[in-house]
Amino acid sequence: MTLYDRAKKVIPGGVNSPVRAFGSVHMDPIFFNRAKGCKIYSTEGKEYIDYIGSWGPMILGHSRQDLIKKAQGYLEEVITLGLPSDVEVEMAETFTKATKTDMVRMVNSGTEATMSAIRLARGYTGENKIIKFEGCYHGHSDGLLVKSGSGTLTYHAPTSLGVPQATIEDTLVCRYNDLEDVEAKFQEFKDQIACIIIEPIAGNMGVVIPDKEFLQGLRKLCDQNQAILIFDEVITGFRTRYGSVGEFFDVKADLYTYGKIIGGGLPVGAFAGSREIMEKLSPLGGVYQAGTLSGNPLAMKMGLDTLHELESHPEIYDKLDQFALELDQGFCKNLKEVGIPGKVTRFHGMMSLFFGEFDEIKSFDDVQAADTDLYEKYFHGMVEEGFILAPAQFEAIFLSDAHTEDVIQKTLEANRRVLEKISKS
C-alpha cells in the first residue's frame, strides 16, 4: 500500500489542503519528508529543485543552518504560553515600523487575518457590504467564498457547499483592474459598503499585476465613500520588498493582512492598520477577535529572525528580482523558439508562466484563456527533470535566497527540453 493510499483512508482526499492533491495536473501527489536550501526530497528519496517554497514563506530557503540553530534554542525556552510575552512586543514594534502602521494583531493564518480585518472594517464603519475581486483569494471564511456570475457580475453564488446564500449577500464581486466596475458598485450600494479587500498583486489566479491608476482609484473611492481599503498581503508582504508592496504604487491602505514570511515558516497571520481603527478591537473596543495561539512565541521568534535578515540584507530582494528577470526572459525566449504559445507575468521576484494565446493578462477573465492541458504536460515534464512547481496553472513561482545562478540556468535548460518535447508530441 502506497503512502497516498494510506493517506486517503484517514485524510479527506489524502491531503490537508486541496491544492496538494495535484488534481489539476492529474497525478498522485508526491510526498516529501525533508528540505534544504532550494531543494526538497521526496519520501522515495528523489531530489527536486523547489519553486513552491511552502507557497511563499521560505524566502531565505529551507533549513538555513544559522536559523535552525536559533530555533533549536527557542524550543528549549518556550513553545507556547497563551499569555503575553516579550517577543510579541518586539515583533509588533518591528512589524509596525516595517509596514508603516500603528498597531498590529497577530493571528494564526491568512484566513483568520482577512476574516478579522473585514469584521473590524464593518465594526468601524457600521456598514455590512464588502467588495472583493474575482480571481483574488482571501482564505476560506464563508463570506469570501463567492464567485461572480456573467454580465454585470452582480449575481453571485457560493463556491463551496455549506456556505449559506444569505452569508454572501453582502459580498460584491468586481473585475480586477476595472475601476468603472467598482465605481458602479459604490453608486448602486451608496453608503452601504464597509470595505474593499484586494490582493495588491494578485497571486491566486497566477500573478496578475494591477494598473497603478486602478489601485490609486480604489484609494480615492474609499476616501470619497468613507470605506476601508484592505490590502491582502498574505502572499506579497515582505516577498518583493521589506514591508508593503503599496509603496510601489504610492498607495496606502487602511488595513493590511499578512502571513507566510512573518512566521519564519510556522503558521502565522497578522492584520494591522491605524491606531484609530485598530483600537476598535477587543479588549479596547467592541469588535471581538481572539486566539489561544495568536502571537505564539516560537513563531514570533522565528519570524523575527527572518525579518531581521531581510531588513539587514536588502540585496536579497535585488537577487530575487534578477533571478526572476532571467527566468522571465529565458522562458519567453524558449517559448518563442520552440513555437509554443505562452506568456510570463512578473512583478519583481513573483512570477507565473501561462500557456495559451494572450493579448494581455489583467483580470480573471484573461487568465481563463490559459491552456491548462499544456500546463499539465509541462508540469509532468519538469517533475521528470527534477523540479517541483505549483501543481496548478493559476499559482505563482516563488524564488528564495537559496537559489543560485547555476540553479537558474539549469531551470532554463530543463524548461527548454520540456518545451521541445511537448512541441513534438
Protein backbone atom coordinates (compact mmCIF):
# COMPACT_ATOMS: atom_id res chain seq x y z
CA MET A 1 0.00 0.00 0.00
CA THR A 2 1.41 3.39 -1.01
CA LEU A 3 1.66 6.37 1.32
CA TYR A 4 -1.09 8.06 -0.72
CA ASP A 5 -3.37 5.02 -0.30
CA ARG A 6 -2.78 5.14 3.44
CA ALA A 7 -3.46 8.89 3.49
CA LYS A 8 -6.75 8.54 1.64
CA LYS A 9 -8.02 6.19 4.33
CA VAL A 10 -7.61 8.74 7.11
CA ILE A 11 -7.42 12.20 5.46
CA PRO A 12 -10.14 13.53 3.08
CA GLY A 13 -8.63 13.20 -0.39
CA GLY A 14 -5.37 12.14 1.21
CA VAL A 15 -4.27 15.75 1.76
CA ASN A 16 -4.80 18.53 4.29
CA SER A 17 -5.23 21.28 1.67
CA PRO A 18 -6.83 20.74 -1.76
CA VAL A 19 -4.03 22.06 -3.98
CA ARG A 20 -1.72 19.38 -2.56
CA ALA A 21 -3.86 16.72 -4.22
CA PHE A 22 -2.23 17.52 -7.62
CA GLY A 23 -5.72 17.21 -9.10
CA SER A 24 -5.19 19.97 -11.67
CA VAL A 25 -2.28 18.07 -13.20
CA HIS A 26 -3.94 14.64 -12.92
CA MET A 27 -1.32 12.77 -10.96
CA ASP A 28 -0.99 11.38 -7.48
CA PRO A 29 0.63 13.80 -5.05
CA ILE A 30 4.32 13.49 -4.32
CA PHE A 31 5.06 13.15 -0.61
CA PHE A 32 8.10 14.87 0.88
CA ASN A 33 9.94 14.49 4.17
CA ARG A 34 12.83 16.97 4.22
CA ALA A 35 14.16 20.14 2.61
CA LYS A 36 17.43 22.03 2.50
CA GLY A 37 18.28 25.26 0.72
CA CYS A 38 16.33 25.36 -2.54
CA LYS A 39 15.87 21.59 -2.66
CA ILE A 40 13.24 19.27 -1.27
CA TYR A 41 13.34 15.49 -1.04
CA SER A 42 10.53 13.03 -1.61
CA THR A 43 9.81 10.10 0.70
CA GLU A 44 11.16 7.95 -2.13
CA GLY A 45 14.49 9.73 -1.91
CA LYS A 46 14.31 11.83 -5.09
CA GLU A 47 15.74 15.37 -5.06
CA TYR A 48 13.81 18.30 -6.54
CA ILE A 49 14.56 21.98 -7.06
CA ASP A 50 11.76 23.76 -5.22
CA TYR A 51 9.85 26.66 -6.78
CA ILE A 52 6.95 26.49 -4.31
CA GLY A 53 8.75 27.41 -1.09
CA SER A 54 5.79 26.32 1.05
CA TRP A 55 3.73 28.76 -1.07
CA GLY A 56 5.92 31.74 -0.28
CA PRO A 57 7.25 31.85 3.28
CA MET A 58 10.62 30.21 2.64
CA ILE A 59 12.16 33.33 1.15
CA LEU A 60 15.51 32.54 2.79
CA GLY A 61 15.41 28.91 1.70
CA HIS A 62 14.76 25.74 3.66
CA SER A 63 16.54 24.85 6.89
CA ARG A 64 19.22 27.52 6.86
CA GLN A 65 21.72 26.35 9.41
CA ASP A 66 22.09 29.57 11.44
CA LEU A 67 18.32 29.93 11.73
CA ILE A 68 17.86 26.28 12.63
CA LYS A 69 20.39 26.56 15.46
CA LYS A 70 18.48 29.53 16.85
CA ALA A 71 15.18 27.66 16.53
CA GLN A 72 16.59 24.72 18.48
CA GLY A 73 17.41 27.11 21.30
CA TYR A 74 13.91 28.58 21.18
CA LEU A 75 12.41 25.10 21.62
CA GLU A 76 14.26 24.76 24.91
CA GLU A 77 12.97 28.15 26.11
CA VAL A 78 9.27 28.01 25.28
CA ILE A 79 6.89 26.71 22.62
CA THR A 80 3.61 28.32 23.57
CA LEU A 81 2.18 30.17 26.56
CA GLY A 82 -1.29 31.51 25.81
CA LEU A 83 -0.15 34.51 27.84
CA PRO A 84 1.61 37.77 26.93
CA SER A 85 5.32 37.51 26.09
CA ASP A 86 8.14 39.94 25.45
CA VAL A 87 8.74 38.64 21.94
CA GLU A 88 5.19 39.61 20.91
CA VAL A 89 6.03 43.21 21.75
CA GLU A 90 9.30 43.07 19.85
CA MET A 91 7.55 41.57 16.83
CA ALA A 92 4.84 44.24 16.94
CA GLU A 93 7.43 47.01 17.11
CA THR A 94 9.46 45.54 14.25
CA PHE A 95 6.39 44.80 12.14
CA THR A 96 4.65 48.16 12.50
CA LYS A 97 7.87 50.01 11.71
CA ALA A 98 8.39 47.92 8.57
CA THR A 99 4.80 48.26 7.35
CA LYS A 100 4.34 51.89 8.48
CA THR A 101 1.27 51.01 10.51
CA ASP A 102 0.42 51.96 14.09
CA MET A 103 -0.82 48.70 15.57
CA VAL A 104 -0.94 45.01 14.70
CA ARG A 105 -2.87 41.99 15.97
CA MET A 106 -1.21 38.62 15.46
CA VAL A 107 -3.29 35.60 14.43
CA ASN A 108 -2.55 32.09 13.17
CA SER A 109 -3.34 32.09 9.45
CA GLY A 110 -4.04 34.29 6.46
CA THR A 111 -7.68 33.22 6.51
CA GLU A 112 -8.01 34.38 10.11
CA ALA A 113 -6.28 37.67 9.28
CA THR A 114 -8.58 38.57 6.38
CA MET A 115 -11.72 37.44 8.20
CA SER A 116 -10.78 39.57 11.21
CA ALA A 117 -9.81 42.61 9.13
CA ILE A 118 -13.20 42.56 7.39
CA ARG A 119 -15.02 42.25 10.71
CA LEU A 120 -13.01 45.20 12.01
CA ALA A 121 -13.82 47.26 8.91
CA ARG A 122 -17.51 46.53 9.36
CA GLY A 123 -17.35 47.37 13.04
CA TYR A 124 -15.51 50.62 12.37
CA THR A 125 -17.76 51.85 9.56
CA GLY A 126 -21.07 50.42 10.73
CA GLU A 127 -21.71 49.11 7.20
CA ASN A 128 -22.04 45.49 6.04
CA LYS A 129 -21.26 45.15 2.35
CA ILE A 130 -17.76 44.40 1.11
CA ILE A 131 -16.15 44.45 -2.33
CA LYS A 132 -13.75 41.75 -3.42
CA PHE A 133 -12.34 40.91 -6.85
CA GLU A 134 -12.81 37.86 -9.00
CA GLY A 135 -9.66 35.77 -9.02
CA CYS A 136 -8.42 37.11 -5.68
CA TYR A 137 -8.43 34.59 -2.85
CA HIS A 138 -8.59 35.74 0.76
CA GLY A 139 -8.93 32.48 2.61
CA HIS A 140 -11.85 30.13 3.14
CA SER A 141 -14.11 32.08 5.51
CA ASP A 142 -17.75 31.87 4.43
CA GLY A 143 -18.26 35.45 3.27
CA LEU A 144 -15.31 35.30 0.88
CA LEU A 145 -16.12 32.01 -0.85
CA VAL A 146 -18.12 33.65 -3.60
CA LYS A 147 -17.85 33.76 -7.35
CA SER A 148 -19.43 36.21 -9.73
CA GLY A 149 -21.92 35.44 -12.44
CA SER A 150 -21.97 36.60 -16.03
CA GLY A 151 -22.76 40.05 -17.32
CA THR A 152 -22.56 42.73 -14.66
CA LEU A 153 -21.11 40.29 -12.08
CA THR A 154 -23.84 41.37 -9.69
CA TYR A 155 -25.24 37.87 -9.36
CA HIS A 156 -23.06 35.54 -7.42
CA ALA A 157 -23.11 32.16 -5.73
CA PRO A 158 -21.08 30.29 -3.11
CA THR A 159 -18.05 28.42 -4.39
CA SER A 160 -18.41 25.85 -1.62
CA LEU A 161 -21.15 23.68 -0.24
CA GLY A 162 -22.03 24.63 3.30
CA VAL A 163 -21.97 28.38 2.65
CA PRO A 164 -25.49 29.83 3.02
CA GLN A 165 -26.61 32.18 0.28
CA ALA A 166 -27.50 34.72 2.96
CA THR A 167 -23.89 34.76 4.16
CA ILE A 168 -22.59 36.12 0.86
CA GLU A 169 -25.40 38.55 0.06
CA ASP A 170 -23.22 41.38 1.32
CA THR A 171 -20.21 40.30 -0.76
CA LEU A 172 -19.96 42.24 -4.02
CA VAL A 173 -17.62 40.89 -6.69
CA CYS A 174 -15.86 43.18 -9.15
CA ARG A 175 -13.42 42.70 -12.03
CA TYR A 176 -9.74 43.14 -11.20
CA ASN A 177 -8.23 46.22 -12.87
CA ASP A 178 -11.71 47.55 -13.73
CA LEU A 179 -12.23 50.80 -11.79
CA GLU A 180 -15.52 51.59 -13.52
CA ASP A 181 -16.98 48.35 -12.21
CA VAL A 182 -16.04 49.37 -8.66
CA GLU A 183 -17.45 52.88 -9.15
CA ALA A 184 -20.73 51.34 -10.28
CA LYS A 185 -20.93 49.24 -7.12
CA PHE A 186 -20.46 52.31 -4.92
CA GLN A 187 -23.21 54.08 -6.84
CA GLU A 188 -25.59 51.12 -6.63
CA PHE A 189 -24.92 50.47 -2.94
CA LYS A 190 -24.30 54.01 -1.77
CA ASP A 191 -23.48 54.33 1.95
CA GLN A 192 -23.62 50.54 2.41
CA ILE A 193 -20.06 49.45 1.66
CA ALA A 194 -17.71 48.87 4.58
CA CYS A 195 -14.56 47.97 2.71
CA ILE A 196 -12.70 46.87 -0.37
CA ILE A 197 -10.36 43.91 0.04
CA ILE A 198 -7.83 43.19 -2.67
CA GLU A 199 -4.55 41.45 -3.33
CA PRO A 200 -2.46 44.45 -4.46
CA ILE A 201 -0.57 41.97 -6.64
CA ALA A 202 -2.90 39.11 -7.47
CA GLY A 203 -1.25 35.81 -6.68
CA ASN A 204 -4.10 33.34 -6.61
CA MET A 205 -5.05 33.41 -10.28
CA GLY A 206 -1.42 33.37 -11.19
CA VAL A 207 0.49 36.61 -10.87
CA VAL A 208 -1.63 39.45 -12.26
CA ILE A 209 -0.31 42.98 -11.93
CA PRO A 210 -2.64 45.92 -11.25
CA ASP A 211 -2.52 49.19 -13.07
CA LYS A 212 -1.18 51.91 -10.79
CA GLU A 213 -4.21 54.06 -11.62
CA PHE A 214 -6.51 51.21 -10.58
CA LEU A 215 -5.08 50.94 -7.05
CA GLN A 216 -4.95 54.71 -6.69
CA GLY A 217 -8.55 54.89 -7.88
CA LEU A 218 -9.61 52.39 -5.21
CA ARG A 219 -7.96 54.58 -2.59
CA LYS A 220 -9.86 57.61 -3.86
CA LEU A 221 -13.20 55.77 -3.94
CA CYS A 222 -12.76 54.58 -0.37
CA ASP A 223 -11.93 58.11 0.76
CA GLN A 224 -14.97 59.52 -1.01
CA ASN A 225 -17.30 56.90 0.45
CA GLN A 226 -15.86 56.52 3.97
CA ALA A 227 -14.96 52.91 3.23
CA ILE A 228 -11.90 50.98 4.38
CA LEU A 229 -9.26 49.82 1.89
CA ILE A 230 -7.72 46.47 2.86
CA PHE A 231 -4.58 45.19 1.17
CA ASP A 232 -4.33 41.43 1.50
CA GLU A 233 -0.56 40.95 1.54
CA VAL A 234 -0.53 37.42 2.90
CA ILE A 235 1.49 36.49 -0.20
CA THR A 236 3.10 39.79 -1.18
CA GLY A 237 4.08 41.14 2.25
CA PHE A 238 7.88 41.10 2.59
CA ARG A 239 8.05 39.00 -0.60
CA THR A 240 9.03 41.65 -3.15
CA ARG A 241 10.27 44.30 -0.73
CA TYR A 242 10.68 44.77 3.01
CA GLY A 243 7.18 45.79 4.05
CA SER A 244 4.21 46.51 1.82
CA VAL A 245 4.05 46.50 -1.99
CA GLY A 246 1.74 49.50 -1.73
CA GLU A 247 4.78 51.77 -1.79
CA PHE A 248 5.50 50.66 -5.36
CA PHE A 249 2.16 52.25 -6.31
CA ASP A 250 2.14 55.21 -3.91
CA VAL A 251 -0.98 53.83 -2.24
CA LYS A 252 -1.50 53.40 1.50
CA ALA A 253 -4.27 51.09 2.64
CA ASP A 254 -6.25 51.48 5.87
CA LEU A 255 -5.75 47.87 6.92
CA TYR A 256 -3.25 45.22 5.85
CA THR A 257 -3.26 41.46 6.26
CA TYR A 258 -0.04 39.49 6.38
CA GLY A 259 1.15 35.92 6.78
CA LYS A 260 3.67 33.46 5.29
CA ILE A 261 7.06 35.10 5.73
CA ILE A 262 6.47 36.74 9.13
CA GLY A 263 6.31 33.33 10.81
CA GLY A 264 9.64 32.10 9.50
CA GLY A 265 7.88 29.03 8.13
CA LEU A 266 5.50 28.45 11.06
CA PRO A 267 1.73 29.12 10.90
CA VAL A 268 1.07 32.80 11.42
CA GLY A 269 -1.03 35.72 10.24
CA ALA A 270 -1.48 39.36 11.15
CA PHE A 271 -3.68 42.35 10.45
CA ALA A 272 -2.55 45.91 11.01
CA GLY A 273 -3.57 49.50 10.50
CA SER A 274 -4.01 52.89 12.07
CA ARG A 275 -4.44 53.32 15.80
CA GLU A 276 -7.92 54.80 15.30
CA ILE A 277 -9.17 51.68 13.52
CA MET A 278 -7.22 49.04 15.45
CA GLU A 279 -8.40 50.35 18.83
CA LYS A 280 -11.91 49.23 17.88
CA LEU A 281 -10.67 45.70 18.64
CA SER A 282 -11.45 43.97 21.91
CA PRO A 283 -10.41 44.46 24.70
CA LEU A 284 -10.39 48.19 23.87
CA GLY A 285 -13.35 48.25 21.51
CA GLY A 286 -16.44 46.30 20.55
CA VAL A 287 -15.03 44.19 17.69
CA TYR A 288 -14.26 40.77 19.11
CA GLN A 289 -11.32 38.69 17.94
CA ALA A 290 -9.29 36.14 19.89
CA GLY A 291 -6.92 33.19 19.52
CA THR A 292 -5.19 30.97 22.06
CA LEU A 293 -2.06 30.54 19.94
CA SER A 294 -2.01 34.05 18.50
CA GLY A 295 1.46 35.56 18.87
CA ASN A 296 2.84 32.18 19.91
CA PRO A 297 6.45 32.87 20.97
CA LEU A 298 8.08 30.20 18.83
CA ALA A 299 6.54 31.60 15.62
CA MET A 300 7.30 35.16 16.71
CA LYS A 301 10.97 34.40 17.34
CA MET A 302 11.43 32.55 14.06
CA GLY A 303 9.53 35.27 12.22
CA LEU A 304 11.65 37.99 13.76
CA ASP A 305 14.82 36.21 12.68
CA THR A 306 13.51 36.19 9.10
CA LEU A 307 12.50 39.86 9.18
CA HIS A 308 15.82 40.93 10.69
CA GLU A 309 17.67 39.03 7.96
CA LEU A 310 15.60 40.66 5.22
CA GLU A 311 15.98 44.12 6.72
CA SER A 312 19.74 43.86 7.14
CA HIS A 313 20.28 42.33 3.70
CA PRO A 314 18.16 44.27 1.18
CA GLU A 315 20.33 42.84 -1.58
CA ILE A 316 18.30 39.64 -1.20
CA TYR A 317 15.44 41.39 -2.97
CA ASP A 318 17.76 42.56 -5.75
CA LYS A 319 18.94 38.97 -6.18
CA LEU A 320 15.40 37.60 -6.39
CA ASP A 321 14.43 40.33 -8.85
CA GLN A 322 17.42 39.48 -11.05
CA PHE A 323 16.77 35.74 -10.98
CA ALA A 324 13.09 36.26 -11.78
CA LEU A 325 14.06 38.51 -14.69
CA GLU A 326 16.43 35.84 -16.02
CA LEU A 327 13.68 33.21 -15.80
CA ASP A 328 11.20 35.61 -17.42
CA GLN A 329 13.48 36.33 -20.37
CA GLY A 330 14.61 32.73 -20.70
CA PHE A 331 11.10 31.29 -20.59
CA CYS A 332 9.90 33.78 -23.23
CA LYS A 333 12.88 33.02 -25.46
CA ASN A 334 12.31 29.28 -25.20
CA LEU A 335 8.57 29.57 -25.86
CA LYS A 336 9.18 31.65 -28.97
CA GLU A 337 11.91 29.43 -30.38
CA VAL A 338 10.02 26.21 -29.74
CA GLY A 339 6.76 27.65 -31.04
CA ILE A 340 4.53 27.09 -28.01
CA PRO A 341 2.15 29.93 -27.11
CA GLY A 342 2.60 31.34 -23.64
CA LYS A 343 3.15 34.42 -21.56
CA VAL A 344 5.10 35.28 -18.42
CA THR A 345 3.69 37.69 -15.86
CA ARG A 346 6.13 39.06 -13.32
CA PHE A 347 6.22 41.59 -10.53
CA HIS A 348 9.76 41.90 -9.23
CA GLY A 349 10.51 38.47 -7.70
CA MET A 350 6.99 37.00 -8.17
CA MET A 351 6.08 35.42 -11.49
CA SER A 352 3.86 32.98 -13.36
CA LEU A 353 4.19 31.12 -16.64
CA PHE A 354 0.89 30.88 -18.52
CA PHE A 355 0.32 28.71 -21.57
CA GLY A 356 -2.02 29.92 -24.32
CA GLU A 357 -2.64 32.87 -26.63
CA PHE A 358 -2.93 36.19 -24.79
CA ASP A 359 -3.12 39.84 -25.76
CA GLU A 360 -2.72 40.82 -22.11
CA ILE A 361 -3.30 39.38 -18.66
CA LYS A 362 -5.08 41.92 -16.50
CA SER A 363 -8.01 40.07 -14.95
CA PHE A 364 -9.60 36.75 -14.07
CA ASP A 365 -11.32 36.73 -17.45
CA ASP A 366 -7.93 36.96 -19.14
CA VAL A 367 -6.37 34.06 -17.24
CA GLN A 368 -9.32 31.87 -18.17
CA ALA A 369 -7.79 31.67 -21.65
CA ALA A 370 -4.86 29.70 -20.22
CA ASP A 371 -4.27 26.24 -21.67
CA THR A 372 -4.34 24.05 -18.57
CA ASP A 373 -3.70 20.90 -20.63
CA LEU A 374 -0.40 22.36 -21.80
CA TYR A 375 0.49 23.31 -18.25
CA GLU A 376 -0.23 19.76 -17.13
CA LYS A 377 2.21 18.40 -19.72
CA TYR A 378 4.77 21.00 -18.71
CA PHE A 379 4.38 20.19 -15.01
CA HIS A 380 4.88 16.48 -15.60
CA GLY A 381 7.93 17.20 -17.73
CA MET A 382 9.52 19.43 -15.13
CA VAL A 383 8.87 16.86 -12.40
CA GLU A 384 10.70 14.30 -14.50
CA GLU A 385 13.57 16.79 -14.83
CA GLY A 386 13.72 17.16 -11.04
CA PHE A 387 11.82 20.44 -10.50
CA ILE A 388 8.73 20.92 -8.37
CA LEU A 389 6.40 23.75 -9.41
CA ALA A 390 2.90 24.62 -8.29
CA PRO A 391 0.63 21.70 -9.30
CA ALA A 392 -1.81 24.15 -10.91
CA GLN A 393 -1.62 26.72 -13.69
CA PHE A 394 -3.00 29.54 -11.58
CA GLU A 395 -0.28 29.87 -8.96
CA ALA A 396 2.98 31.74 -8.57
CA ILE A 397 6.61 30.72 -8.89
CA PHE A 398 8.47 31.50 -5.66
CA LEU A 399 12.21 32.03 -5.52
CA SER A 400 14.41 32.03 -2.44
CA ASP A 401 17.78 33.37 -1.37
CA ALA A 402 18.99 29.77 -1.53
CA HIS A 403 18.54 29.63 -5.30
CA THR A 404 21.76 30.24 -7.22
CA GLU A 405 22.72 31.36 -10.70
CA ASP A 406 23.61 27.76 -11.50
CA VAL A 407 20.14 26.60 -10.46
CA ILE A 408 18.52 29.30 -12.60
CA GLN A 409 20.49 28.17 -15.66
CA LYS A 410 19.61 24.53 -15.00
CA THR A 411 15.96 25.57 -14.75
CA LEU A 412 16.09 27.30 -18.13
CA GLU A 413 17.80 24.30 -19.72
CA ALA A 414 15.14 21.96 -18.31
CA ASN A 415 12.41 24.36 -19.43
CA ARG A 416 13.80 24.22 -22.97
CA ARG A 417 13.98 20.42 -23.04
CA VAL A 418 10.44 20.03 -21.72
CA LEU A 419 9.00 22.57 -24.17
CA GLU A 420 10.77 20.87 -27.08
CA LYS A 421 9.36 17.52 -26.02
CA ILE A 422 5.86 18.98 -25.77
CA SER A 423 6.15 20.59 -29.20
CA LYS A 424 6.99 17.23 -30.77
CA SER A 425 4.21 15.30 -29.03
